[in-house]
Amino acid sequence: MELNELLDALNAGHTIMGDFPLHEVMHRTSQQALRITGELNGLYQEPARVRELLAQLTGKPVVESVTVFPPFYSDFGRNITLGERVM
C-alpha cells in the first residue's frame, strides 16, 4: 500500500481500521510527521529551514512567502497545503 492510496481513502471519508493494510502507511506517515514537527519546534530554525521542513511534512513545495511561528502541530501532515494567499 502506498501514500496516494491512503490519501484517496481519507479524502473519500473512509475509516482506516487497525487491521487494514493502509493503517501501516498511516502510522508510518504520522511518525514521520512527529519527527519533522519535533525538529521544527525543538530549536530555532532559519526561515528557509522552516520551509524545507514544511515541504517534507506536506510532501509539497512551500513558497518563500510562507511563514510559520512555532509551535506547529500536525498529526499527519500530508493533508496540509501551504501557499500564497490569492487576493
Protein backbone atom coordinates (compact mmCIF):
# COMPACT_ATOMS: atom_id res chain seq x y z
CA MET A 1 0.00 0.00 0.00
CA GLU A 2 1.19 3.49 -0.81
CA LEU A 3 0.61 7.00 0.49
CA ASN A 4 -1.51 8.04 -2.51
CA GLU A 5 -3.91 5.16 -1.78
CA LEU A 6 -4.16 6.27 1.84
CA LEU A 7 -4.83 9.88 0.85
CA ASP A 8 -7.52 8.76 -1.60
CA ALA A 9 -9.19 6.68 1.11
CA LEU A 10 -9.04 9.50 3.67
CA ASN A 11 -10.31 12.07 1.17
CA ALA A 12 -13.22 9.74 0.41
CA GLY A 13 -14.09 9.71 4.12
CA HIS A 14 -13.14 6.09 4.76
CA THR A 15 -12.22 4.94 8.24
CA ILE A 16 -8.83 3.22 8.44
CA MET A 17 -9.08 0.35 10.91
CA GLY A 18 -6.06 -1.05 12.75
CA ASP A 19 -6.08 -4.31 10.80
CA PHE A 20 -6.31 -2.62 7.37
CA PRO A 21 -3.19 -2.58 5.17
CA LEU A 22 -3.46 1.23 4.93
CA HIS A 23 -3.08 1.51 8.71
CA GLU A 24 0.65 0.80 8.45
CA VAL A 25 1.01 3.57 5.85
CA MET A 26 -0.93 5.96 8.08
CA HIS A 27 1.17 5.04 11.12
CA ARG A 28 4.46 5.43 9.24
CA THR A 29 3.38 8.80 7.83
CA SER A 30 2.23 10.03 11.24
CA GLN A 31 5.55 9.01 12.80
CA GLN A 32 7.38 10.98 10.12
CA ALA A 33 5.16 14.00 10.88
CA LEU A 34 6.04 13.72 14.58
CA ARG A 35 9.76 13.65 13.76
CA ILE A 36 9.51 16.67 11.46
CA THR A 37 7.38 18.75 13.82
CA GLY A 38 9.77 17.83 16.65
CA GLU A 39 12.64 19.26 14.64
CA LEU A 40 10.58 22.28 13.66
CA ASN A 41 9.60 23.05 17.24
CA GLY A 42 12.68 21.85 19.13
CA LEU A 43 15.20 24.54 18.27
CA TYR A 44 15.35 27.83 16.43
CA GLN A 45 15.28 27.26 12.67
CA GLU A 46 16.12 29.78 9.97
CA PRO A 47 13.07 30.64 7.83
CA ALA A 48 14.45 28.73 4.84
CA ARG A 49 14.90 25.62 7.01
CA VAL A 50 11.34 26.00 8.33
CA ARG A 51 10.08 25.94 4.74
CA GLU A 52 12.24 22.88 4.00
CA LEU A 53 10.73 21.07 6.98
CA LEU A 54 7.22 22.10 5.99
CA ALA A 55 7.86 20.77 2.48
CA GLN A 56 9.00 17.46 3.97
CA LEU A 57 5.91 17.39 6.18
CA THR A 58 3.40 18.16 3.44
CA GLY A 59 5.17 16.45 0.54
CA LYS A 60 4.63 19.63 -1.49
CA PRO A 61 6.74 22.67 -2.36
CA VAL A 62 6.40 25.60 0.05
CA VAL A 63 6.72 29.09 -1.42
CA GLU A 64 9.13 31.60 0.09
CA SER A 65 6.34 33.84 1.37
CA VAL A 66 5.13 31.17 3.85
CA THR A 67 5.98 31.97 7.47
CA VAL A 68 5.24 29.78 10.46
CA PHE A 69 5.77 30.73 14.07
CA PRO A 70 6.27 27.57 16.13
CA PRO A 71 4.96 25.70 17.89
CA PHE A 72 3.41 23.99 14.92
CA TYR A 73 1.28 20.88 15.37
CA SER A 74 0.36 18.20 12.88
CA ASP A 75 -0.99 14.69 13.30
CA PHE A 76 -0.36 13.63 9.72
CA GLY A 77 0.95 16.47 7.54
CA ARG A 78 0.20 15.19 4.06
CA ASN A 79 -3.27 16.75 4.15
CA ILE A 80 -1.87 20.28 4.60
CA THR A 81 -1.48 22.76 1.75
CA LEU A 82 0.59 25.91 2.29
CA GLY A 83 0.88 28.64 -0.30
CA GLU A 84 0.45 32.21 -1.25
CA ARG A 85 -2.81 33.87 -0.47
CA VAL A 86 -4.73 34.81 -3.58
CA MET A 87 -6.47 38.18 -3.35
